[in-house]
PDB file of all heavy atoms in Angstrom:
ATOM      1  N   ASP A   1       0.819  -1.213   0.000  1.00  0.00           N
ATOM      2  CA  ASP A   1       0.000   0.000   0.000  1.00  0.00           C
ATOM      3  C   ASP A   1       0.853   1.263   0.000  1.00  0.00           C
ATOM      4  O   ASP A   1       0.432   2.304  -0.519  1.00  0.00           O
ATOM      5  CB  ASP A   1      -0.912   0.029   1.230  1.00  0.00           C
ATOM      6  CG  ASP A   1      -1.949  -1.077   1.216  1.00  0.00           C
ATOM      7  OD1 ASP A   1      -2.135  -1.707   0.163  1.00  0.00           O
ATOM      8  OD2 ASP A   1      -2.562  -1.323   2.263  1.00  0.00           O
ATOM      9  N   LEU A   2       2.043   1.178   0.593  1.00  0.00           N
ATOM     10  CA  LEU A   2       2.830   2.384   0.848  1.00  0.00           C
ATOM     11  C   LEU A   2       3.999   2.579  -0.113  1.00  0.00           C
ATOM     12  O   LEU A   2       4.698   3.593  -0.029  1.00  0.00           O
ATOM     13  CB  LEU A   2       3.372   2.353   2.280  1.00  0.00           C
ATOM     14  CG  LEU A   2       2.342   2.292   3.405  1.00  0.00           C
ATOM     15  CD1 LEU A   2       3.044   2.168   4.748  1.00  0.00           C
ATOM     16  CD2 LEU A   2       1.439   3.512   3.383  1.00  0.00           C
ATOM     17  N   ARG A   3       4.227   1.641  -1.010  1.00  0.00           N
ATOM     18  CA  ARG A   3       5.490   1.676  -1.765  1.00  0.00           C
ATOM     19  C   ARG A   3       5.630   2.927  -2.625  1.00  0.00           C
ATOM     20  O   ARG A   3       6.729   3.478  -2.734  1.00  0.00           O
ATOM     21  CB  ARG A   3       5.620   0.414  -2.624  1.00  0.00           C
ATOM     22  CG  ARG A   3       4.525   0.178  -3.650  1.00  0.00           C
ATOM     23  CD  ARG A   3       4.741  -1.145  -4.356  1.00  0.00           C
ATOM     24  NE  ARG A   3       3.723  -1.404  -5.362  1.00  0.00           N
ATOM     25  CZ  ARG A   3       3.708  -2.497  -6.119  1.00  0.00           C
ATOM     26  NH1 ARG A   3       4.648  -3.409  -5.970  1.00  0.00           N
ATOM     27  NH2 ARG A   3       2.758  -2.669  -7.021  1.00  0.00           N
ATOM     28  N   HIS A   4       4.528   3.400  -3.219  1.00  0.00           N
ATOM     29  CA  HIS A   4       4.614   4.606  -4.048  1.00  0.00           C
ATOM     30  C   HIS A   4       4.867   5.842  -3.183  1.00  0.00           C
ATOM     31  O   HIS A   4       5.630   6.736  -3.578  1.00  0.00           O
ATOM     32  CB  HIS A   4       3.345   4.778  -4.869  1.00  0.00           C
ATOM     33  CG  HIS A   4       3.104   3.668  -5.852  1.00  0.00           C
ATOM     34  ND1 HIS A   4       4.044   3.282  -6.782  1.00  0.00           N
ATOM     35  CD2 HIS A   4       2.028   2.853  -6.046  1.00  0.00           C
ATOM     36  CE1 HIS A   4       3.574   2.275  -7.506  1.00  0.00           C
ATOM     37  NE2 HIS A   4       2.354   1.998  -7.074  1.00  0.00           N
ATOM     38  N   ASP A   5       4.242   5.907  -2.011  1.00  0.00           N
ATOM     39  CA  ASP A   5       4.436   7.049  -1.118  1.00  0.00           C
ATOM     40  C   ASP A   5       5.868   7.095  -0.590  1.00  0.00           C
ATOM     41  O   ASP A   5       6.446   8.179  -0.444  1.00  0.00           O
ATOM     42  CB  ASP A   5       3.453   6.976   0.052  1.00  0.00           C
ATOM     43  CG  ASP A   5       2.005   7.007  -0.408  1.00  0.00           C
ATOM     44  OD1 ASP A   5       1.707   7.748  -1.357  1.00  0.00           O
ATOM     45  OD2 ASP A   5       1.193   6.278   0.177  1.00  0.00           O
ATOM     46  N   ILE A   6       6.427   5.925  -0.309  1.00  0.00           N
ATOM     47  CA  ILE A   6       7.809   5.880   0.174  1.00  0.00           C
ATOM     48  C   ILE A   6       8.775   6.252  -0.950  1.00  0.00           C
ATOM     49  O   ILE A   6       9.728   7.015  -0.754  1.00  0.00           O
ATOM     50  CB  ILE A   6       8.124   4.489   0.739  1.00  0.00           C
ATOM     51  CG1 ILE A   6       7.313   4.247   2.023  1.00  0.00           C
ATOM     52  CG2 ILE A   6       9.617   4.330   1.010  1.00  0.00           C
ATOM     53  CD1 ILE A   6       7.429   2.838   2.567  1.00  0.00           C
ATOM     54  N   ALA A   7       8.524   5.736  -2.155  1.00  0.00           N
ATOM     55  CA  ALA A   7       9.402   6.036  -3.283  1.00  0.00           C
ATOM     56  C   ALA A   7       9.419   7.524  -3.606  1.00  0.00           C
ATOM     57  O   ALA A   7      10.458   8.072  -4.003  1.00  0.00           O
ATOM     58  CB  ALA A   7       8.963   5.233  -4.506  1.00  0.00           C
ATOM     59  N   SER A   8       8.276   8.192  -3.426  1.00  0.00           N
ATOM     60  CA  SER A   8       8.187   9.620  -3.731  1.00  0.00           C
ATOM     61  C   SER A   8       8.703  10.496  -2.594  1.00  0.00           C
ATOM     62  O   SER A   8       8.888  11.709  -2.779  1.00  0.00           O
ATOM     63  CB  SER A   8       6.741  10.000  -4.044  1.00  0.00           C
ATOM     64  OG  SER A   8       5.944   9.929  -2.875  1.00  0.00           O
ATOM     65  N   GLY A   9       8.911   9.918  -1.412  1.00  0.00           N
ATOM     66  CA  GLY A   9       9.333  10.688  -0.263  1.00  0.00           C
ATOM     67  C   GLY A   9       8.188  11.288   0.528  1.00  0.00           C
ATOM     68  O   GLY A   9       8.422  11.991   1.520  1.00  0.00           O
ATOM     69  N   ALA A  10       6.940  11.026   0.101  1.00  0.00           N
ATOM     70  CA  ALA A  10       5.789  11.570   0.825  1.00  0.00           C
ATOM     71  C   ALA A  10       5.663  10.962   2.210  1.00  0.00           C
ATOM     72  O   ALA A  10       5.163  11.606   3.140  1.00  0.00           O
ATOM     73  CB  ALA A  10       4.506  11.339   0.024  1.00  0.00           C
ATOM     74  N   LEU A  11       6.110   9.720   2.371  1.00  0.00           N
ATOM     75  CA  LEU A  11       6.146   9.060   3.670  1.00  0.00           C
ATOM     76  C   LEU A  11       7.548   8.514   3.915  1.00  0.00           C
ATOM     77  O   LEU A  11       8.231   8.078   2.980  1.00  0.00           O
ATOM     78  CB  LEU A  11       5.128   7.926   3.746  1.00  0.00           C
ATOM     79  CG  LEU A  11       3.642   8.309   3.739  1.00  0.00           C
ATOM     80  CD1 LEU A  11       2.774   7.055   3.746  1.00  0.00           C
ATOM     81  CD2 LEU A  11       3.296   9.208   4.921  1.00  0.00           C
ATOM     82  N   VAL A  12       7.955   8.525   5.181  1.00  0.00           N
ATOM     83  CA  VAL A  12       9.286   8.073   5.572  1.00  0.00           C
ATOM     84  C   VAL A  12       9.151   6.796   6.401  1.00  0.00           C
ATOM     85  O   VAL A  12       8.422   6.788   7.405  1.00  0.00           O
ATOM     86  CB  VAL A  12      10.009   9.147   6.405  1.00  0.00           C
ATOM     87  CG1 VAL A  12      11.373   8.639   6.859  1.00  0.00           C
ATOM     88  CG2 VAL A  12      10.136  10.435   5.612  1.00  0.00           C
ATOM     89  N   PRO A  13       9.798   5.703   6.003  1.00  0.00           N
ATOM     90  CA  PRO A  13       9.742   4.486   6.820  1.00  0.00           C
ATOM     91  C   PRO A  13      10.517   4.664   8.117  1.00  0.00           C
ATOM     92  O   PRO A  13      11.596   5.265   8.149  1.00  0.00           O
ATOM     93  CB  PRO A  13      10.379   3.422   5.920  1.00  0.00           C
ATOM     94  CG  PRO A  13      11.218   4.184   4.954  1.00  0.00           C
ATOM     95  CD  PRO A  13      10.570   5.521   4.761  1.00  0.00           C
ATOM     96  N   LEU A  14       9.972   4.125   9.203  1.00  0.00           N
ATOM     97  CA  LEU A  14      10.549   4.267  10.531  1.00  0.00           C
ATOM     98  C   LEU A  14      10.893   2.888  11.114  1.00  0.00           C
ATOM     99  O   LEU A  14      10.342   1.868  10.685  1.00  0.00           O
ATOM    100  CB  LEU A  14       9.567   4.985  11.458  1.00  0.00           C
ATOM    101  CG  LEU A  14       9.012   6.324  10.946  1.00  0.00           C
ATOM    102  CD1 LEU A  14       7.884   6.806  11.854  1.00  0.00           C
ATOM    103  CD2 LEU A  14      10.122   7.356  10.849  1.00  0.00           C
ATOM    104  N   LEU A  15      11.761   2.874  12.097  1.00  0.00           N
ATOM    105  CA  LEU A  15      12.121   1.642  12.811  1.00  0.00           C
ATOM    106  C   LEU A  15      12.543   0.539  11.846  1.00  0.00           C
ATOM    107  O   LEU A  15      12.141  -0.626  11.974  1.00  0.00           O
ATOM    108  CB  LEU A  15      10.937   1.173  13.674  1.00  0.00           C
ATOM    109  CG  LEU A  15      10.413   2.180  14.700  1.00  0.00           C
ATOM    110  CD1 LEU A  15       9.164   1.642  15.386  1.00  0.00           C
ATOM    111  CD2 LEU A  15      11.484   2.531  15.735  1.00  0.00           C
ATOM    112  N   THR A  16      13.346   0.915  10.863  1.00  0.00           N
ATOM    113  CA  THR A  16      13.703  -0.021   9.792  1.00  0.00           C
ATOM    114  C   THR A  16      14.629  -1.145  10.263  1.00  0.00           C
ATOM    115  O   THR A  16      14.818  -2.121   9.531  1.00  0.00           O
ATOM    116  CB  THR A  16      14.362   0.734   8.634  1.00  0.00           C
ATOM    117  OG1 THR A  16      15.479   1.493   9.134  1.00  0.00           O
ATOM    118  CG2 THR A  16      13.368   1.683   7.981  1.00  0.00           C
ATOM    119  N   ASP A  17      15.212  -1.024  11.452  1.00  0.00           N
ATOM    120  CA  ASP A  17      16.057  -2.102  11.964  1.00  0.00           C
ATOM    121  C   ASP A  17      15.253  -3.112  12.785  1.00  0.00           C
ATOM    122  O   ASP A  17      15.826  -4.014  13.408  1.00  0.00           O
ATOM    123  CB  ASP A  17      17.211  -1.537  12.800  1.00  0.00           C
ATOM    124  CG  ASP A  17      16.741  -0.594  13.901  1.00  0.00           C
ATOM    125  OD1 ASP A  17      15.583  -0.140  13.831  1.00  0.00           O
ATOM    126  OD2 ASP A  17      17.534  -0.310  14.835  1.00  0.00           O
ATOM    127  N   TRP A  18      13.936  -2.965  12.777  1.00  0.00           N
ATOM    128  CA  TRP A  18      13.048  -3.912  13.446  1.00  0.00           C
ATOM    129  C   TRP A  18      12.239  -4.679  12.411  1.00  0.00           C
ATOM    130  O   TRP A  18      11.847  -4.135  11.377  1.00  0.00           O
ATOM    131  CB  TRP A  18      12.093  -3.195  14.399  1.00  0.00           C
ATOM    132  CG  TRP A  18      12.769  -2.654  15.623  1.00  0.00           C
ATOM    133  CD1 TRP A  18      13.491  -1.498  15.729  1.00  0.00           C
ATOM    134  CD2 TRP A  18      12.791  -3.268  16.911  1.00  0.00           C
ATOM    135  NE1 TRP A  18      13.961  -1.342  17.006  1.00  0.00           N
ATOM    136  CE2 TRP A  18      13.555  -2.408  17.760  1.00  0.00           C
ATOM    137  CE3 TRP A  18      12.253  -4.428  17.447  1.00  0.00           C
ATOM    138  CZ2 TRP A  18      13.775  -2.704  19.097  1.00  0.00           C
ATOM    139  CZ3 TRP A  18      12.472  -4.720  18.781  1.00  0.00           C
ATOM    140  CH2 TRP A  18      13.228  -3.868  19.595  1.00  0.00           C
ATOM    141  N   GLN A  19      11.963  -5.954  12.701  1.00  0.00           N
ATOM    142  CA  GLN A  19      11.114  -6.776  11.846  1.00  0.00           C
ATOM    143  C   GLN A  19       9.644  -6.554  12.177  1.00  0.00           C
ATOM    144  O   GLN A  19       9.295  -6.162  13.298  1.00  0.00           O
ATOM    145  CB  GLN A  19      11.419  -8.262  12.045  1.00  0.00           C
ATOM    146  CG  GLN A  19      12.732  -8.750  11.504  1.00  0.00           C
ATOM    147  CD  GLN A  19      12.878 -10.238  11.775  1.00  0.00           C
ATOM    148  OE1 GLN A  19      13.097 -10.668  12.917  1.00  0.00           O
ATOM    149  NE2 GLN A  19      12.731 -11.040  10.740  1.00  0.00           N
ATOM    150  N   THR A  20       8.802  -6.853  11.218  1.00  0.00           N
ATOM    151  CA  THR A  20       7.364  -6.940  11.472  1.00  0.00           C
ATOM    152  C   THR A  20       6.875  -8.291  10.961  1.00  0.00           C
ATOM    153  O   THR A  20       7.549  -8.955  10.171  1.00  0.00           O
ATOM    154  CB  THR A  20       6.599  -5.805  10.772  1.00  0.00           C
ATOM    155  OG1 THR A  20       6.860  -5.846   9.367  1.00  0.00           O
ATOM    156  CG2 THR A  20       7.010  -4.451  11.339  1.00  0.00           C
ATOM    157  N   GLU A  21       5.712  -8.700  11.420  1.00  0.00           N
ATOM    158  CA  GLU A  21       5.205 -10.031  11.063  1.00  0.00           C
ATOM    159  C   GLU A  21       4.721 -10.074   9.611  1.00  0.00           C
ATOM    160  O   GLU A  21       4.227  -9.077   9.090  1.00  0.00           O
ATOM    161  CB  GLU A  21       4.061 -10.407  12.000  1.00  0.00           C
ATOM    162  CG  GLU A  21       4.500 -10.613  13.430  1.00  0.00           C
ATOM    163  CD  GLU A  21       3.341 -10.955  14.344  1.00  0.00           C
ATOM    164  OE1 GLU A  21       2.324 -10.250  14.303  1.00  0.00           O
ATOM    165  OE2 GLU A  21       3.470 -11.936  15.100  1.00  0.00           O
ATOM    166  N   PRO A  22       4.862 -11.230   8.969  1.00  0.00           N
ATOM    167  CA  PRO A  22       4.393 -11.353   7.580  1.00  0.00           C
ATOM    168  C   PRO A  22       2.908 -11.020   7.474  1.00  0.00           C
ATOM    169  O   PRO A  22       2.118 -11.346   8.363  1.00  0.00           O
ATOM    170  CB  PRO A  22       4.651 -12.825   7.253  1.00  0.00           C
ATOM    171  CG  PRO A  22       5.709 -13.261   8.218  1.00  0.00           C
ATOM    172  CD  PRO A  22       5.463 -12.473   9.468  1.00  0.00           C
ATOM    173  N   TYR A  23       2.573 -10.376   6.379  1.00  0.00           N
ATOM    174  CA  TYR A  23       1.175 -10.002   6.113  1.00  0.00           C
ATOM    175  C   TYR A  23       0.914 -10.261   4.626  1.00  0.00           C
ATOM    176  O   TYR A  23       0.763  -9.334   3.839  1.00  0.00           O
ATOM    177  CB  TYR A  23       0.967  -8.537   6.471  1.00  0.00           C
ATOM    178  CG  TYR A  23      -0.472  -8.130   6.675  1.00  0.00           C
ATOM    179  CD1 TYR A  23      -1.354  -8.919   7.400  1.00  0.00           C
ATOM    180  CD2 TYR A  23      -0.948  -6.928   6.147  1.00  0.00           C
ATOM    181  CE1 TYR A  23      -2.658  -8.535   7.588  1.00  0.00           C
ATOM    182  CE2 TYR A  23      -2.260  -6.533   6.341  1.00  0.00           C
ATOM    183  CZ  TYR A  23      -3.106  -7.337   7.058  1.00  0.00           C
ATOM    184  OH  TYR A  23      -4.418  -6.952   7.247  1.00  0.00           O
ATOM    185  N   PRO A  24       0.901 -11.565   4.236  1.00  0.00           N
ATOM    186  CA  PRO A  24       0.843 -11.900   2.805  1.00  0.00           C
ATOM    187  C   PRO A  24      -0.494 -11.519   2.174  1.00  0.00           C
ATOM    188  O   PRO A  24      -1.515 -11.388   2.864  1.00  0.00           O
ATOM    189  CB  PRO A  24       1.037 -13.418   2.801  1.00  0.00           C
ATOM    190  CG  PRO A  24       0.536 -13.856   4.150  1.00  0.00           C
ATOM    191  CD  PRO A  24       0.907 -12.753   5.097  1.00  0.00           C
ATOM    192  N   LEU A  25      -0.447 -11.356   0.875  1.00  0.00           N
ATOM    193  CA  LEU A  25      -1.643 -11.042   0.101  1.00  0.00           C
ATOM    194  C   LEU A  25      -2.060 -12.288  -0.665  1.00  0.00           C
ATOM    195  O   LEU A  25      -1.246 -12.897  -1.372  1.00  0.00           O
ATOM    196  CB  LEU A  25      -1.360  -9.898  -0.872  1.00  0.00           C
ATOM    197  CG  LEU A  25      -2.556  -9.379  -1.670  1.00  0.00           C
ATOM    198  CD1 LEU A  25      -3.539  -8.660  -0.748  1.00  0.00           C
ATOM    199  CD2 LEU A  25      -2.089  -8.441  -2.783  1.00  0.00           C
ATOM    200  N   HIS A  26      -3.351 -12.679  -0.508  1.00  0.00           N
ATOM    201  CA  HIS A  26      -3.865 -13.883  -1.149  1.00  0.00           C
ATOM    202  C   HIS A  26      -5.026 -13.561  -2.085  1.00  0.00           C
ATOM    203  O   HIS A  26      -5.750 -12.584  -1.879  1.00  0.00           O
ATOM    204  CB  HIS A  26      -4.380 -14.895  -0.108  1.00  0.00           C
ATOM    205  CG  HIS A  26      -3.334 -15.500   0.751  1.00  0.00           C
ATOM    206  ND1 HIS A  26      -3.052 -15.032   2.022  1.00  0.00           N
ATOM    207  CD2 HIS A  26      -2.478 -16.536   0.540  1.00  0.00           C
ATOM    208  CE1 HIS A  26      -2.093 -15.757   2.560  1.00  0.00           C
ATOM    209  NE2 HIS A  26      -1.725 -16.675   1.689  1.00  0.00           N
ATOM    210  N   ALA A  27      -5.199 -14.415  -3.056  1.00  0.00           N
ATOM    211  CA  ALA A  27      -6.441 -14.472  -3.826  1.00  0.00           C
ATOM    212  C   ALA A  27      -7.223 -15.667  -3.299  1.00  0.00           C
ATOM    213  O   ALA A  27      -6.720 -16.800  -3.294  1.00  0.00           O
ATOM    214  CB  ALA A  27      -6.157 -14.641  -5.313  1.00  0.00           C
ATOM    215  N   LEU A  28      -8.438 -15.429  -2.822  1.00  0.00           N
ATOM    216  CA  LEU A  28      -9.276 -16.475  -2.233  1.00  0.00           C
ATOM    217  C   LEU A  28     -10.378 -16.840  -3.209  1.00  0.00           C
ATOM    218  O   LEU A  28     -11.092 -15.964  -3.723  1.00  0.00           O
ATOM    219  CB  LEU A  28      -9.878 -15.992  -0.918  1.00  0.00           C
ATOM    220  CG  LEU A  28      -8.898 -15.518   0.142  1.00  0.00           C
ATOM    221  CD1 LEU A  28      -9.649 -15.096   1.405  1.00  0.00           C
ATOM    222  CD2 LEU A  28      -7.878 -16.595   0.461  1.00  0.00           C
ATOM    223  N   LEU A  29     -10.539 -18.140  -3.428  1.00  0.00           N
ATOM    224  CA  LEU A  29     -11.531 -18.657  -4.370  1.00  0.00           C
ATOM    225  C   LEU A  29     -12.498 -19.565  -3.630  1.00  0.00           C
ATOM    226  O   LEU A  29     -12.100 -20.282  -2.703  1.00  0.00           O
ATOM    227  CB  LEU A  29     -10.845 -19.435  -5.496  1.00  0.00           C
ATOM    228  CG  LEU A  29      -9.729 -18.679  -6.229  1.00  0.00           C
ATOM    229  CD1 LEU A  29      -8.933 -19.624  -7.105  1.00  0.00           C
ATOM    230  CD2 LEU A  29     -10.325 -17.566  -7.060  1.00  0.00           C
ATOM    231  N   PRO A  30     -13.770 -19.570  -4.026  1.00  0.00           N
ATOM    232  CA  PRO A  30     -14.751 -20.351  -3.273  1.00  0.00           C
ATOM    233  C   PRO A  30     -14.663 -21.848  -3.470  1.00  0.00           C
ATOM    234  O   PRO A  30     -15.192 -22.605  -2.671  1.00  0.00           O
ATOM    235  CB  PRO A  30     -16.089 -19.809  -3.788  1.00  0.00           C
ATOM    236  CG  PRO A  30     -15.781 -19.280  -5.143  1.00  0.00           C
ATOM    237  CD  PRO A  30     -14.382 -18.749  -5.072  1.00  0.00           C
ATOM    238  N   SER A  31     -13.995 -22.314  -4.530  1.00  0.00           N
ATOM    239  CA  SER A  31     -13.973 -23.749  -4.784  1.00  0.00           C
ATOM    240  C   SER A  31     -12.787 -24.103  -5.658  1.00  0.00           C
ATOM    241  O   SER A  31     -12.407 -23.339  -6.546  1.00  0.00           O
ATOM    242  CB  SER A  31     -15.263 -24.208  -5.467  1.00  0.00           C
ATOM    243  OG  SER A  31     -15.169 -25.564  -5.854  1.00  0.00           O
ATOM    244  N   GLY A  32     -12.214 -25.275  -5.399  1.00  0.00           N
ATOM    245  CA  GLY A  32     -11.144 -25.755  -6.254  1.00  0.00           C
ATOM    246  C   GLY A  32     -11.634 -26.733  -7.303  1.00  0.00           C
ATOM    247  O   GLY A  32     -10.872 -27.162  -8.163  1.00  0.00           O
ATOM    248  N   ARG A  33     -12.910 -27.099  -7.246  1.00  0.00           N
ATOM    249  CA  ARG A  33     -13.427 -28.082  -8.187  1.00  0.00           C
ATOM    250  C   ARG A  33     -13.562 -27.516  -9.592  1.00  0.00           C
ATOM    251  O   ARG A  33     -13.281 -28.168 -10.567  1.00  0.00           O
ATOM    252  CB  ARG A  33     -14.785 -28.609  -7.693  1.00  0.00           C
ATOM    253  CG  ARG A  33     -14.671 -29.486  -6.468  1.00  0.00           C
ATOM    254  CD  ARG A  33     -16.038 -29.954  -6.010  1.00  0.00           C
ATOM    255  NE  ARG A  33     -16.881 -28.834  -5.613  1.00  0.00           N
ATOM    256  CZ  ARG A  33     -18.152 -28.957  -5.256  1.00  0.00           C
ATOM    257  NH1 ARG A  33     -18.728 -30.150  -5.269  1.00  0.00           N
ATOM    258  NH2 ARG A  33     -18.847 -27.895  -4.892  1.00  0.00           N
ATOM    259  N   PHE A  34     -14.001 -26.267  -9.690  1.00  0.00           N
ATOM    260  CA  PHE A  34     -14.110 -25.635 -10.996  1.00  0.00           C
ATOM    261  C   PHE A  34     -13.815 -24.150 -10.851  1.00  0.00           C
ATOM    262  O   PHE A  34     -14.538 -23.445 -10.156  1.00  0.00           O
ATOM    263  CB  PHE A  34     -15.514 -25.828 -11.589  1.00  0.00           C
ATOM    264  CG  PHE A  34     -15.665 -25.123 -12.902  1.00  0.00           C
ATOM    265  CD1 PHE A  34     -15.055 -25.625 -14.040  1.00  0.00           C
ATOM    266  CD2 PHE A  34     -16.380 -23.945 -12.990  1.00  0.00           C
ATOM    267  CE1 PHE A  34     -15.170 -24.963 -15.248  1.00  0.00           C
ATOM    268  CE2 PHE A  34     -16.508 -23.278 -14.210  1.00  0.00           C
ATOM    269  CZ  PHE A  34     -15.901 -23.790 -15.333  1.00  0.00           C
ATOM    270  N   ILE A  35     -12.758 -23.726 -11.471  1.00  0.00           N
ATOM    271  CA  ILE A  35     -12.401 -22.316 -11.494  1.00  0.00           C
ATOM    272  C   ILE A  35     -12.516 -21.849 -12.926  1.00  0.00           C
ATOM    273  O   ILE A  35     -11.797 -22.339 -13.803  1.00  0.00           O
ATOM    274  CB  ILE A  35     -10.974 -22.090 -10.968  1.00  0.00           C
ATOM    275  CG1 ILE A  35     -10.840 -22.602  -9.534  1.00  0.00           C
ATOM    276  CG2 ILE A  35     -10.614 -20.606 -11.034  1.00  0.00           C
ATOM    277  CD1 ILE A  35      -9.441 -22.552  -8.993  1.00  0.00           C
ATOM    278  N   PRO A  36     -13.435 -20.925 -13.217  1.00  0.00           N
ATOM    279  CA  PRO A  36     -13.590 -20.460 -14.602  1.00  0.00           C
ATOM    280  C   PRO A  36     -12.279 -19.929 -15.161  1.00  0.00           C
ATOM    281  O   PRO A  36     -11.433 -19.386 -14.427  1.00  0.00           O
ATOM    282  CB  PRO A  36     -14.642 -19.346 -14.480  1.00  0.00           C
ATOM    283  CG  PRO A  36     -15.400 -19.675 -13.238  1.00  0.00           C
ATOM    284  CD  PRO A  36     -14.401 -20.292 -12.313  1.00  0.00           C
TER     285      PRO A  36
END
């Protein structure tokens, strides 16, 4: 969400020597039997 704002300098990343927990992005589908 923030990559363009950081690249432009509009936002500054903080605490960069600390880790944060993974927050992966998924595509969720209702069924594996038939996917159009």
